[in-house]
């Protein structure tokens, strides 16, 4: 068996139409289906998940994590990184909870004993 770990950035620039409304103001066209920046940010779910894993789980400090992301080609500021680490994580908690809810719980009487 050969295992690989591939870490690279994948940047896509999306041009969104902005429509001026007759009464003033404007409306920004939504992203195409399947494009999911997290919240109103500039990052998809994978870099957010990576950041949220590295900081508490691997105990990587913010300055080291910022330098690491820059080395990977991710355009992020210290302020953006700090906001990702400290602001609302509701979407990720919901996804985690849904994942746990979908797992089948095996009654202890049916569990296979460890070797």
PDB file of N, CA and C in Angstrom:
ATOM      1  N   UNK A   1       0.841  -1.167   0.000  1.00  0.00           N
ATOM      2  CA  UNK A   1       0.000   0.000   0.000  1.00  0.00           C
ATOM      3  C   UNK A   1       0.893   1.239   0.000  1.00  0.00           C
ATOM      4  N   UNK A   2       0.514   2.212  -0.800  1.00  0.00           N
ATOM      5  CA  UNK A   2       1.206   3.497  -0.834  1.00  0.00           C
ATOM      6  C   UNK A   2       0.194   4.576  -0.491  1.00  0.00           C
ATOM      7  N   UNK A   3       0.528   5.397   0.480  1.00  0.00           N
ATOM      8  CA  UNK A   3      -0.375   6.466   0.888  1.00  0.00           C
ATOM      9  C   UNK A   3       0.255   7.813   0.574  1.00  0.00           C
ATOM     10  N   UNK A   4      -0.564   8.755   0.165  1.00  0.00           N
ATOM     11  CA  UNK A   4      -0.106  10.105  -0.145  1.00  0.00           C
ATOM     12  C   UNK A   4      -0.968  11.119   0.599  1.00  0.00           C
ATOM     13  N   UNK A   5      -0.397  12.251   0.854  1.00  0.00           N
ATOM     14  CA  UNK A   5      -1.130  13.376   1.401  1.00  0.00           C
ATOM     15  C   UNK A   5      -0.872  14.550   0.465  1.00  0.00           C
ATOM     16  N   UNK A   6      -1.918  15.093  -0.111  1.00  0.00           N
ATOM     17  CA  UNK A   6      -1.781  16.190  -1.055  1.00  0.00           C
ATOM     18  C   UNK A   6      -2.411  17.436  -0.441  1.00  0.00           C
ATOM     19  N   UNK A   7      -1.601  18.459  -0.267  1.00  0.00           N
ATOM     20  CA  UNK A   7      -2.089  19.731   0.246  1.00  0.00           C
ATOM     21  C   UNK A   7      -1.744  20.790  -0.785  1.00  0.00           C
ATOM     22  N   UNK A   8      -2.773  21.413  -1.308  1.00  0.00           N
ATOM     23  CA  UNK A   8      -2.556  22.495  -2.272  1.00  0.00           C
ATOM     24  C   UNK A   8      -3.744  23.437  -2.220  1.00  0.00           C
ATOM     25  N   UNK A   9      -3.553  24.643  -2.698  1.00  0.00           N
ATOM     26  CA  UNK A   9      -4.667  25.576  -2.747  1.00  0.00           C
ATOM     27  C   UNK A   9      -5.364  25.458  -4.098  1.00  0.00           C
ATOM     28  N   UNK A  10      -6.632  25.756  -4.102  1.00  0.00           N
ATOM     29  CA  UNK A  10      -7.416  25.747  -5.328  1.00  0.00           C
ATOM     30  C   UNK A  10      -8.258  27.018  -5.304  1.00  0.00           C
ATOM     31  N   UNK A  11      -7.774  28.048  -5.979  1.00  0.00           N
ATOM     32  CA  UNK A  11      -8.459  29.340  -5.980  1.00  0.00           C
ATOM     33  C   UNK A  11      -9.263  29.486  -7.261  1.00  0.00           C
ATOM     34  N   UNK A  12     -10.499  29.891  -7.118  1.00  0.00           N
ATOM     35  CA  UNK A  12     -11.360  30.164  -8.255  1.00  0.00           C
ATOM     36  C   UNK A  12     -11.952  31.545  -8.053  1.00  0.00           C
ATOM     37  N   UNK A  13     -11.817  32.380  -9.060  1.00  0.00           N
ATOM     38  CA  UNK A  13     -12.392  33.719  -8.960  1.00  0.00           C
ATOM     39  C   UNK A  13     -13.762  33.701  -9.623  1.00  0.00           C
ATOM     40  N   UNK A  14     -14.774  33.994  -8.831  1.00  0.00           N
ATOM     41  CA  UNK A  14     -16.136  34.051  -9.331  1.00  0.00           C
ATOM     42  C   UNK A  14     -16.533  35.510  -9.489  1.00  0.00           C
ATOM     43  N   UNK A  15     -17.035  35.850 -10.646  1.00  0.00           N
ATOM     44  CA  UNK A  15     -17.531  37.194 -10.887  1.00  0.00           C
ATOM     45  C   UNK A  15     -19.041  37.168 -10.685  1.00  0.00           C
ATOM     46  N   UNK A  16     -19.521  37.919  -9.716  1.00  0.00           N
ATOM     47  CA  UNK A  16     -20.940  37.956  -9.420  1.00  0.00           C
ATOM     48  C   UNK A  16     -21.545  39.237  -9.973  1.00  0.00           C
ATOM     49  N   UNK A  17     -22.687  39.102 -10.620  1.00  0.00           N
ATOM     50  CA  UNK A  17     -23.378  40.273 -11.153  1.00  0.00           C
ATOM     51  C   UNK A  17     -24.004  41.060 -10.002  1.00  0.00           C
ATOM     52  N   UNK A  18     -23.960  42.350 -10.112  1.00  0.00           N
ATOM     53  CA  UNK A  18     -24.631  43.229  -9.143  1.00  0.00           C
ATOM     54  C   UNK A  18     -25.657  44.027  -9.935  1.00  0.00           C
ATOM     55  N   UNK A  19     -26.907  43.947  -9.501  1.00  0.00           N
ATOM     56  CA  UNK A  19     -28.003  44.609 -10.192  1.00  0.00           C
ATOM     57  C   UNK A  19     -28.465  45.815  -9.390  1.00  0.00           C
ATOM     58  N   UNK A  20     -28.526  46.961 -10.052  1.00  0.00           N
ATOM     59  CA  UNK A  20     -29.034  48.175  -9.415  1.00  0.00           C
ATOM     60  C   UNK A  20     -30.556  48.135  -9.440  1.00  0.00           C
ATOM     61  N   UNK A  21     -31.159  48.434  -8.316  1.00  0.00           N
ATOM     62  CA  UNK A  21     -32.609  48.429  -8.200  1.00  0.00           C
ATOM     63  C   UNK A  21     -33.164  49.806  -8.542  1.00  0.00           C
ATOM     64  N   UNK A  22     -34.352  49.850  -9.150  1.00  0.00           N
ATOM     65  CA  UNK A  22     -34.920  51.143  -9.551  1.00  0.00           C
ATOM     66  C   UNK A  22     -35.104  52.112  -8.385  1.00  0.00           C
ATOM     67  N   UNK A  23     -35.419  51.600  -7.209  1.00  0.00           N
ATOM     68  CA  UNK A  23     -35.645  52.465  -6.050  1.00  0.00           C
ATOM     69  C   UNK A  23     -34.373  52.799  -5.292  1.00  0.00           C
ATOM     70  N   UNK A  24     -33.243  52.421  -5.827  1.00  0.00           N
ATOM     71  CA  UNK A  24     -31.971  52.622  -5.141  1.00  0.00           C
ATOM     72  C   UNK A  24     -31.486  51.322  -4.530  1.00  0.00           C
ATOM     73  N   UNK A  25     -30.254  51.258  -4.210  1.00  0.00           N
ATOM     74  CA  UNK A  25     -29.670  50.039  -3.668  1.00  0.00           C
ATOM     75  C   UNK A  25     -29.319  49.060  -4.773  1.00  0.00           C
ATOM     76  N   UNK A  26     -28.885  47.892  -4.379  1.00  0.00           N
ATOM     77  CA  UNK A  26     -28.490  46.891  -5.370  1.00  0.00           C
ATOM     78  C   UNK A  26     -28.648  45.493  -4.783  1.00  0.00           C
ATOM     79  N   UNK A  27     -28.605  44.516  -5.673  1.00  0.00           N
ATOM     80  CA  UNK A  27     -28.707  43.118  -5.287  1.00  0.00           C
ATOM     81  C   UNK A  27     -27.528  42.395  -5.914  1.00  0.00           C
ATOM     82  N   UNK A  28     -26.857  41.564  -5.118  1.00  0.00           N
ATOM     83  CA  UNK A  28     -25.728  40.783  -5.601  1.00  0.00           C
ATOM     84  C   UNK A  28     -26.221  39.391  -5.971  1.00  0.00           C
ATOM     85  N   UNK A  29     -25.900  38.945  -7.175  1.00  0.00           N
ATOM     86  CA  UNK A  29     -26.320  37.618  -7.621  1.00  0.00           C
ATOM     87  C   UNK A  29     -25.708  36.554  -6.722  1.00  0.00           C
ATOM     88  N   UNK A  30     -26.439  35.462  -6.481  1.00  0.00           N
ATOM     89  CA  UNK A  30     -25.898  34.397  -5.631  1.00  0.00           C
ATOM     90  C   UNK A  30     -24.798  33.623  -6.352  1.00  0.00           C
ATOM     91  N   UNK A  31     -24.019  32.882  -5.581  1.00  0.00           N
ATOM     92  CA  UNK A  31     -23.022  32.005  -6.177  1.00  0.00           C
ATOM     93  C   UNK A  31     -23.725  30.892  -6.940  1.00  0.00           C
ATOM     94  N   UNK A  32     -23.023  30.317  -7.896  1.00  0.00           N
ATOM     95  CA  UNK A  32     -23.560  29.192  -8.652  1.00  0.00           C
ATOM     96  C   UNK A  32     -23.792  28.009  -7.720  1.00  0.00           C
ATOM     97  N   UNK A  33     -24.690  27.125  -8.116  1.00  0.00           N
ATOM     98  CA  UNK A  33     -24.975  25.947  -7.296  1.00  0.00           C
ATOM     99  C   UNK A  33     -23.700  25.119  -7.139  1.00  0.00           C
ATOM    100  N   UNK A  34     -23.454  24.652  -5.933  1.00  0.00           N
ATOM    101  CA  UNK A  34     -22.267  23.853  -5.651  1.00  0.00           C
ATOM    102  C   UNK A  34     -21.088  24.662  -5.152  1.00  0.00           C
ATOM    103  N   UNK A  35     -21.168  25.985  -5.264  1.00  0.00           N
ATOM    104  CA  UNK A  35     -20.102  26.855  -4.759  1.00  0.00           C
ATOM    105  C   UNK A  35     -20.506  27.278  -3.360  1.00  0.00           C
ATOM    106  N   UNK A  36     -19.667  26.962  -2.389  1.00  0.00           N
ATOM    107  CA  UNK A  36     -20.063  27.195  -1.005  1.00  0.00           C
ATOM    108  C   UNK A  36     -18.983  27.917  -0.224  1.00  0.00           C
ATOM    109  N   UNK A  37     -18.933  29.252  -0.347  1.00  0.00           N
ATOM    110  CA  UNK A  37     -18.066  29.933   0.607  1.00  0.00           C
ATOM    111  C   UNK A  37     -18.752  29.904   1.958  1.00  0.00           C
ATOM    112  N   UNK A  38     -17.987  29.767   3.000  1.00  0.00           N
ATOM    113  CA  UNK A  38     -18.565  29.680   4.336  1.00  0.00           C
ATOM    114  C   UNK A  38     -18.974  31.075   4.788  1.00  0.00           C
ATOM    115  N   UNK A  39     -20.231  31.184   5.209  1.00  0.00           N
ATOM    116  CA  UNK A  39     -20.766  32.477   5.628  1.00  0.00           C
ATOM    117  C   UNK A  39     -20.672  33.457   4.478  1.00  0.00           C
ATOM    118  N   UNK A  40     -20.215  34.650   4.763  1.00  0.00           N
ATOM    119  CA  UNK A  40     -20.023  35.624   3.692  1.00  0.00           C
ATOM    120  C   UNK A  40     -18.533  35.810   3.422  1.00  0.00           C
ATOM    121  N   UNK A  41     -17.761  34.788   3.738  1.00  0.00           N
ATOM    122  CA  UNK A  41     -16.310  34.878   3.620  1.00  0.00           C
ATOM    123  C   UNK A  41     -15.781  34.512   2.246  1.00  0.00           C
ATOM    124  N   UNK A  42     -14.481  34.360   2.175  1.00  0.00           N
ATOM    125  CA  UNK A  42     -13.789  34.065   0.930  1.00  0.00           C
ATOM    126  C   UNK A  42     -13.210  32.666   0.931  1.00  0.00           C
ATOM    127  N   UNK A  43     -13.624  31.832   1.860  1.00  0.00           N
ATOM    128  CA  UNK A  43     -13.017  30.513   2.011  1.00  0.00           C
ATOM    129  C   UNK A  43     -14.083  29.438   1.975  1.00  0.00           C
ATOM    130  N   UNK A  44     -13.764  28.332   1.350  1.00  0.00           N
ATOM    131  CA  UNK A  44     -14.665  27.197   1.325  1.00  0.00           C
ATOM    132  C   UNK A  44     -14.581  26.409   2.623  1.00  0.00           C
ATOM    133  N   UNK A  45     -15.311  25.321   2.667  1.00  0.00           N
ATOM    134  CA  UNK A  45     -15.385  24.524   3.888  1.00  0.00           C
ATOM    135  C   UNK A  45     -14.062  23.842   4.224  1.00  0.00           C
ATOM    136  N   UNK A  46     -13.278  23.429   3.213  1.00  0.00           N
ATOM    137  CA  UNK A  46     -12.037  22.699   3.491  1.00  0.00           C
ATOM    138  C   UNK A  46     -10.992  23.536   4.225  1.00  0.00           C
ATOM    139  N   UNK A  47     -10.679  24.759   3.772  1.00  0.00           N
ATOM    140  CA  UNK A  47      -9.695  25.532   4.546  1.00  0.00           C
ATOM    141  C   UNK A  47     -10.202  25.895   5.937  1.00  0.00           C
ATOM    142  N   UNK A  48     -11.504  26.138   6.070  1.00  0.00           N
ATOM    143  CA  UNK A  48     -12.049  26.450   7.388  1.00  0.00           C
ATOM    144  C   UNK A  48     -11.890  25.239   8.306  1.00  0.00           C
ATOM    145  N   UNK A  49     -12.247  24.068   7.802  1.00  0.00           N
ATOM    146  CA  UNK A  49     -12.119  22.849   8.605  1.00  0.00           C
ATOM    147  C   UNK A  49     -10.663  22.595   8.972  1.00  0.00           C
ATOM    148  N   UNK A  50      -9.754  22.828   8.031  1.00  0.00           N
ATOM    149  CA  UNK A  50      -8.320  22.642   8.294  1.00  0.00           C
ATOM    150  C   UNK A  50      -7.857  23.571   9.415  1.00  0.00           C
ATOM    151  N   UNK A  51      -8.258  24.840   9.314  1.00  0.00           N
ATOM    152  CA  UNK A  51      -7.874  25.827  10.336  1.00  0.00           C
ATOM    153  C   UNK A  51      -8.433  25.423  11.701  1.00  0.00           C
ATOM    154  N   UNK A  52      -9.714  25.036  11.717  1.00  0.00           N
ATOM    155  CA  UNK A  52     -10.348  24.674  12.985  1.00  0.00           C
ATOM    156  C   UNK A  52      -9.785  23.382  13.559  1.00  0.00           C
ATOM    157  N   UNK A  53      -9.152  22.569  12.730  1.00  0.00           N
ATOM    158  CA  UNK A  53      -8.492  21.359  13.226  1.00  0.00           C
ATOM    159  C   UNK A  53      -7.083  21.660  13.730  1.00  0.00           C
ATOM    160  N   UNK A  54      -6.329  22.441  12.985  1.00  0.00           N
ATOM    161  CA  UNK A  54      -4.933  22.692  13.322  1.00  0.00           C
ATOM    162  C   UNK A  54      -4.771  23.473  14.620  1.00  0.00           C
ATOM    163  N   UNK A  55      -5.636  24.449  14.838  1.00  0.00           N
ATOM    164  CA  UNK A  55      -5.450  25.317  15.998  1.00  0.00           C
ATOM    165  C   UNK A  55      -5.674  24.572  17.309  1.00  0.00           C
ATOM    166  N   UNK A  56      -6.853  23.987  17.555  1.00  0.00           N
ATOM    167  CA  UNK A  56      -7.033  23.337  18.860  1.00  0.00           C
ATOM    168  C   UNK A  56      -6.467  21.921  18.917  1.00  0.00           C
ATOM    169  N   UNK A  57      -6.609  21.149  17.831  1.00  0.00           N
ATOM    170  CA  UNK A  57      -6.208  19.746  17.876  1.00  0.00           C
ATOM    171  C   UNK A  57      -4.693  19.574  17.822  1.00  0.00           C
ATOM    172  N   UNK A  58      -4.058  20.246  16.869  1.00  0.00           N
ATOM    173  CA  UNK A  58      -2.609  20.119  16.713  1.00  0.00           C
ATOM    174  C   UNK A  58      -1.857  21.186  17.510  1.00  0.00           C
ATOM    175  N   UNK A  59      -2.606  22.081  18.144  1.00  0.00           N
ATOM    176  CA  UNK A  59      -2.030  23.152  18.965  1.00  0.00           C
ATOM    177  C   UNK A  59      -1.048  24.039  18.200  1.00  0.00           C
ATOM    178  N   UNK A  60      -1.424  24.332  16.952  1.00  0.00           N
ATOM    179  CA  UNK A  60      -0.625  25.237  16.128  1.00  0.00           C
ATOM    180  C   UNK A  60      -1.062  26.656  16.473  1.00  0.00           C
ATOM    181  N   UNK A  61      -0.115  27.510  16.803  1.00  0.00           N
ATOM    182  CA  UNK A  61      -0.450  28.884  17.179  1.00  0.00           C
ATOM    183  C   UNK A  61      -0.926  29.661  15.963  1.00  0.00           C
ATOM    184  N   UNK A  62      -1.623  30.752  16.209  1.00  0.00           N
ATOM    185  CA  UNK A  62      -2.117  31.576  15.103  1.00  0.00           C
ATOM    186  C   UNK A  62      -0.989  32.059  14.189  1.00  0.00           C
ATOM    187  N   UNK A  63       0.127  32.599  14.715  1.00  0.00           N
ATOM    188  CA  UNK A  63       1.190  33.050  13.811  1.00  0.00           C
ATOM    189  C   UNK A  63       1.773  31.913  12.957  1.00  0.00           C
ATOM    190  N   UNK A  64       1.947  30.729  13.554  1.00  0.00           N
ATOM    191  CA  UNK A  64       2.474  29.598  12.782  1.00  0.00           C
ATOM    192  C   UNK A  64       1.457  29.110  11.748  1.00  0.00           C
ATOM    193  N   UNK A  65       0.194  29.093  12.133  1.00  0.00           N
ATOM    194  CA  UNK A  65      -0.849  28.675  11.207  1.00  0.00           C
ATOM    195  C   UNK A  65      -0.966  29.654  10.048  1.00  0.00           C
ATOM    196  N   UNK A  66      -0.870  30.937  10.334  1.00  0.00           N
ATOM    197  CA  UNK A  66      -0.914  31.961   9.301  1.00  0.00           C
ATOM    198  C   UNK A  66       0.248  31.776   8.316  1.00  0.00           C
ATOM    199  N   UNK A  67       1.452  31.568   8.833  1.00  0.00           N
ATOM    200  CA  UNK A  67       2.621  31.347   7.969  1.00  0.00           C
ATOM    201  C   UNK A  67       2.443  30.083   7.125  1.00  0.00           C
ATOM    202  N   UNK A  68       1.888  29.037   7.733  1.00  0.00           N
ATOM    203  CA  UNK A  68       1.658  27.788   7.010  1.00  0.00           C
ATOM    204  C   UNK A  68       0.659  28.001   5.868  1.00  0.00           C
ATOM    205  N   UNK A  69      -0.422  28.708   6.135  1.00  0.00           N
ATOM    206  CA  UNK A  69      -1.412  28.973   5.089  1.00  0.00           C
ATOM    207  C   UNK A  69      -0.817  29.801   3.967  1.00  0.00           C
ATOM    208  N   UNK A  70      -0.003  30.780   4.305  1.00  0.00           N
ATOM    209  CA  UNK A  70       0.669  31.581   3.276  1.00  0.00           C
ATOM    210  C   UNK A  70       1.582  30.704   2.422  1.00  0.00           C
ATOM    211  N   UNK A  71       2.299  29.776   3.049  1.00  0.00           N
ATOM    212  CA  UNK A  71       3.175  28.873   2.290  1.00  0.00           C
ATOM    213  C   UNK A  71       2.375  28.002   1.326  1.00  0.00           C
ATOM    214  N   UNK A  72       1.138  27.671   1.701  1.00  0.00           N
ATOM    215  CA  UNK A  72       0.264  26.878   0.834  1.00  0.00           C
ATOM    216  C   UNK A  72      -0.385  27.725  -0.254  1.00  0.00           C
ATOM    217  N   UNK A  73      -0.161  29.044  -0.225  1.00  0.00           N
ATOM    218  CA  UNK A  73      -0.728  29.923  -1.242  1.00  0.00           C
ATOM    219  C   UNK A  73      -2.108  30.450  -0.912  1.00  0.00           C
ATOM    220  N   UNK A  74      -2.525  30.347   0.349  1.00  0.00           N
ATOM    221  CA  UNK A  74      -3.831  30.850   0.765  1.00  0.00           C
ATOM    222  C   UNK A  74      -3.683  32.326   1.133  1.00  0.00           C
ATOM    223  N   UNK A  75      -4.459  33.174   0.467  1.00  0.00           N
ATOM    224  CA  UNK A  75      -4.424  34.616   0.732  1.00  0.00           C
ATOM    225  C   UNK A  75      -5.356  34.920   1.903  1.00  0.00           C
ATOM    226  N   UNK A  76      -4.782  35.031   3.077  1.00  0.00           N
ATOM    227  CA  UNK A  76      -5.557  35.261   4.296  1.00  0.00           C
ATOM    228  C   UNK A  76      -4.778  36.212   5.200  1.00  0.00           C
ATOM    229  N   UNK A  77      -5.501  37.087   5.872  1.00  0.00           N
ATOM    230  CA  UNK A  77      -4.849  38.019   6.796  1.00  0.00           C
ATOM    231  C   UNK A  77      -4.929  37.468   8.211  1.00  0.00           C
ATOM    232  N   UNK A  78      -4.149  38.054   9.101  1.00  0.00           N
ATOM    233  CA  UNK A  78      -4.183  37.647  10.500  1.00  0.00           C
ATOM    234  C   UNK A  78      -5.574  37.877  11.089  1.00  0.00           C
ATOM    235  N   UNK A  79      -6.220  38.967  10.689  1.00  0.00           N
ATOM    236  CA  UNK A  79      -7.563  39.262  11.181  1.00  0.00           C
ATOM    237  C   UNK A  79      -8.588  38.237  10.704  1.00  0.00           C
ATOM    238  N   UNK A  80      -8.494  37.852   9.423  1.00  0.00           N
ATOM    239  CA  UNK A  80      -9.412  36.839   8.898  1.00  0.00           C
ATOM    240  C   UNK A  80      -9.219  35.509   9.634  1.00  0.00           C
ATOM    241  N   UNK A  81      -7.971  35.129   9.848  1.00  0.00           N
ATOM    242  CA  UNK A  81      -7.683  33.880  10.558  1.00  0.00           C
ATOM    243  C   UNK A  81      -8.260  33.937  11.975  1.00  0.00           C
ATOM    244  N   UNK A  82      -8.062  35.040  12.649  1.00  0.00           N
ATOM    245  CA  UNK A  82      -8.564  35.179  14.018  1.00  0.00           C
ATOM    246  C   UNK A  82     -10.093  35.082  14.054  1.00  0.00           C
ATOM    247  N   UNK A  83     -10.761  35.732  13.085  1.00  0.00           N
ATOM    248  CA  UNK A  83     -12.229  35.661  13.033  1.00  0.00           C
ATOM    249  C   UNK A  83     -12.700  34.229  12.800  1.00  0.00           C
ATOM    250  N   UNK A  84     -12.017  33.493  11.924  1.00  0.00           N
ATOM    251  CA  UNK A  84     -12.390  32.092  11.672  1.00  0.00           C
ATOM    252  C   UNK A  84     -12.275  31.282  12.956  1.00  0.00           C
ATOM    253  N   UNK A  85     -11.250  31.543  13.733  1.00  0.00           N
ATOM    254  CA  UNK A  85     -11.023  30.779  14.965  1.00  0.00           C
ATOM    255  C   UNK A  85     -11.953  31.169  16.102  1.00  0.00           C
ATOM    256  N   UNK A  86     -12.464  32.393  16.082  1.00  0.00           N
ATOM    257  CA  UNK A  86     -13.207  32.865  17.247  1.00  0.00           C
ATOM    258  C   UNK A  86     -14.686  33.127  17.006  1.00  0.00           C
ATOM    259  N   UNK A  87     -15.104  33.314  15.747  1.00  0.00           N
ATOM    260  CA  UNK A  87     -16.503  33.661  15.507  1.00  0.00           C
ATOM    261  C   UNK A  87     -17.363  32.431  15.274  1.00  0.00           C
ATOM    262  N   UNK A  88     -18.625  32.655  15.040  1.00  0.00           N
ATOM    263  CA  UNK A  88     -19.687  31.652  14.948  1.00  0.00           C
ATOM    264  C   UNK A  88     -19.293  30.411  14.149  1.00  0.00           C
ATOM    265  N   UNK A  89     -19.422  29.254  14.783  1.00  0.00           N
ATOM    266  CA  UNK A  89     -19.122  27.971  14.140  1.00  0.00           C
ATOM    267  C   UNK A  89     -20.386  27.127  14.007  1.00  0.00           C
ATOM    268  N   UNK A  90     -21.532  27.770  13.927  1.00  0.00           N
ATOM    269  CA  UNK A  90     -22.820  27.077  13.894  1.00  0.00           C
ATOM    270  C   UNK A  90     -22.904  26.061  12.763  1.00  0.00           C
ATOM    271  N   UNK A  91     -22.471  26.444  11.543  1.00  0.00           N
ATOM    272  CA  UNK A  91     -22.566  25.523  10.401  1.00  0.00           C
ATOM    273  C   UNK A  91     -21.785  24.242  10.643  1.00  0.00           C
ATOM    274  N   UNK A  92     -20.613  24.353  11.240  1.00  0.00           N
ATOM    275  CA  UNK A  92     -19.792  23.169  11.468  1.00  0.00           C
ATOM    276  C   UNK A  92     -20.361  22.302  12.592  1.00  0.00           C
ATOM    277  N   UNK A  93     -20.939  22.932  13.608  1.00  0.00           N
ATOM    278  CA  UNK A  93     -21.571  22.153  14.677  1.00  0.00           C
ATOM    279  C   UNK A  93     -22.797  21.418  14.144  1.00  0.00           C
ATOM    280  N   UNK A  94     -23.564  22.067  13.256  1.00  0.00           N
ATOM    281  CA  UNK A  94     -24.725  21.419  12.660  1.00  0.00           C
ATOM    282  C   UNK A  94     -24.299  20.220  11.820  1.00  0.00           C
ATOM    283  N   UNK A  95     -23.265  20.397  11.000  1.00  0.00           N
ATOM    284  CA  UNK A  95     -22.783  19.294  10.155  1.00  0.00           C
ATOM    285  C   UNK A  95     -22.286  18.137  11.019  1.00  0.00           C
ATOM    286  N   UNK A  96     -21.582  18.466  12.090  1.00  0.00           N
ATOM    287  CA  UNK A  96     -21.084  17.427  12.997  1.00  0.00           C
ATOM    288  C   UNK A  96     -22.248  16.678  13.624  1.00  0.00           C
ATOM    289  N   UNK A  97     -23.246  17.413  14.106  1.00  0.00           N
ATOM    290  CA  UNK A  97     -24.398  16.796  14.750  1.00  0.00           C
ATOM    291  C   UNK A  97     -25.177  15.923  13.776  1.00  0.00           C
ATOM    292  N   UNK A  98     -25.324  16.394  12.528  1.00  0.00           N
ATOM    293  CA  UNK A  98     -26.017  15.596  11.513  1.00  0.00           C
ATOM    294  C   UNK A  98     -25.244  14.321  11.216  1.00  0.00           C
ATOM    295  N   UNK A  99     -23.930  14.409  11.188  1.00  0.00           N
ATOM    296  CA  UNK A  99     -23.099  13.228  10.939  1.00  0.00           C
ATOM    297  C   UNK A  99     -23.257  12.202  12.034  1.00  0.00           C
ATOM    298  N   UNK A 100     -23.290  12.650  13.293  1.00  0.00           N
ATOM    299  CA  UNK A 100     -23.476  11.728  14.409  1.00  0.00           C
ATOM    300  C   UNK A 100     -24.876  11.114  14.373  1.00  0.00           C
ATOM    301  N   UNK A 101     -25.867  11.918  13.989  1.00  0.00           N
ATOM    302  CA  UNK A 101     -27.244  11.422  13.954  1.00  0.00           C
ATOM    303  C   UNK A 101     -27.417  10.353  12.886  1.00  0.00           C
ATOM    304  N   UNK A 102     -26.635  10.416  11.804  1.00  0.00           N
ATOM    305  CA  UNK A 102     -26.756   9.452  10.711  1.00  0.00           C
ATOM    306  C   UNK A 102     -26.021   8.150  11.013  1.00  0.00           C
ATOM    307  N   UNK A 103     -25.109   8.172  11.976  1.00  0.00           N
ATOM    308  CA  UNK A 103     -24.374   6.946  12.310  1.00  0.00           C
ATOM    309  C   UNK A 103     -25.307   5.971  13.006  1.00  0.00           C
ATOM    310  N   UNK A 104     -25.165   4.718  12.670  1.00  0.00           N
ATOM    311  CA  UNK A 104     -25.993   3.682  13.292  1.00  0.00           C
ATOM    312  C   UNK A 104     -25.389   3.326  14.640  1.00  0.00           C
ATOM    313  N   UNK A 105     -26.209   3.386  15.653  1.00  0.00           N
ATOM    314  CA  UNK A 105     -25.746   3.019  16.988  1.00  0.00           C
ATOM    315  C   UNK A 105     -26.064   1.553  17.212  1.00  0.00           C
ATOM    316  N   UNK A 106     -25.048   0.768  17.524  1.00  0.00           N
ATOM    317  CA  UNK A 106     -25.190  -0.672  17.728  1.00  0.00           C
ATOM    318  C   UNK A 106     -25.415  -0.936  19.205  1.00  0.00           C
ATOM    319  N   UNK A 107     -26.508  -1.642  19.541  1.00  0.00           N
ATOM    320  CA  UNK A 107     -26.722  -1.987  20.950  1.00  0.00           C
ATOM    321  C   UNK A 107     -25.552  -2.808  21.484  1.00  0.00           C
ATOM    322  N   UNK A 108     -25.265  -2.642  22.757  1.00  0.00           N
ATOM    323  CA  UNK A 108     -24.121  -3.337  23.354  1.00  0.00           C
ATOM    324  C   UNK A 108     -24.208  -4.831  23.172  1.00  0.00           C
ATOM    325  N   UNK A 109     -25.426  -5.374  23.177  1.00  0.00           N
ATOM    326  CA  UNK A 109     -25.587  -6.831  23.030  1.00  0.00           C
ATOM    327  C   UNK A 109     -25.160  -7.316  21.645  1.00  0.00           C
ATOM    328  N   UNK A 110     -25.150  -6.408  20.632  1.00  0.00           N
ATOM    329  CA  UNK A 110     -24.763  -6.775  19.267  1.00  0.00           C
ATOM    330  C   UNK A 110     -23.344  -6.349  18.925  1.00  0.00           C
ATOM    331  N   UNK A 111     -22.709  -5.654  19.820  1.00  0.00           N
ATOM    332  CA  UNK A 111     -21.365  -5.142  19.543  1.00  0.00           C
ATOM    333  C   UNK A 111     -20.363  -6.291  19.452  1.00  0.00           C
ATOM    334  N   UNK A 112     -19.393  -6.116  18.550  1.00  0.00           N
ATOM    335  CA  UNK A 112     -18.356  -7.123  18.390  1.00  0.00           C
ATOM    336  C   UNK A 112     -17.253  -6.818  19.394  1.00  0.00           C
ATOM    337  N   UNK A 113     -16.891  -7.803  20.220  1.00  0.00           N
ATOM    338  CA  UNK A 113     -15.851  -7.535  21.225  1.00  0.00           C
ATOM    339  C   UNK A 113     -14.496  -7.272  20.564  1.00  0.00           C
ATOM    340  N   UNK A 114     -13.722  -6.403  21.188  1.00  0.00           N
ATOM    341  CA  UNK A 114     -12.384  -6.089  20.684  1.00  0.00           C
ATOM    342  C   UNK A 114     -11.477  -7.301  20.870  1.00  0.00           C
ATOM    343  N   UNK A 115     -10.541  -7.517  19.934  1.00  0.00           N
ATOM    344  CA  UNK A 115      -9.633  -8.677  20.049  1.00  0.00           C
ATOM    345  C   UNK A 115      -8.682  -8.560  21.210  1.00  0.00           C
TER     346      UNK A 115
END
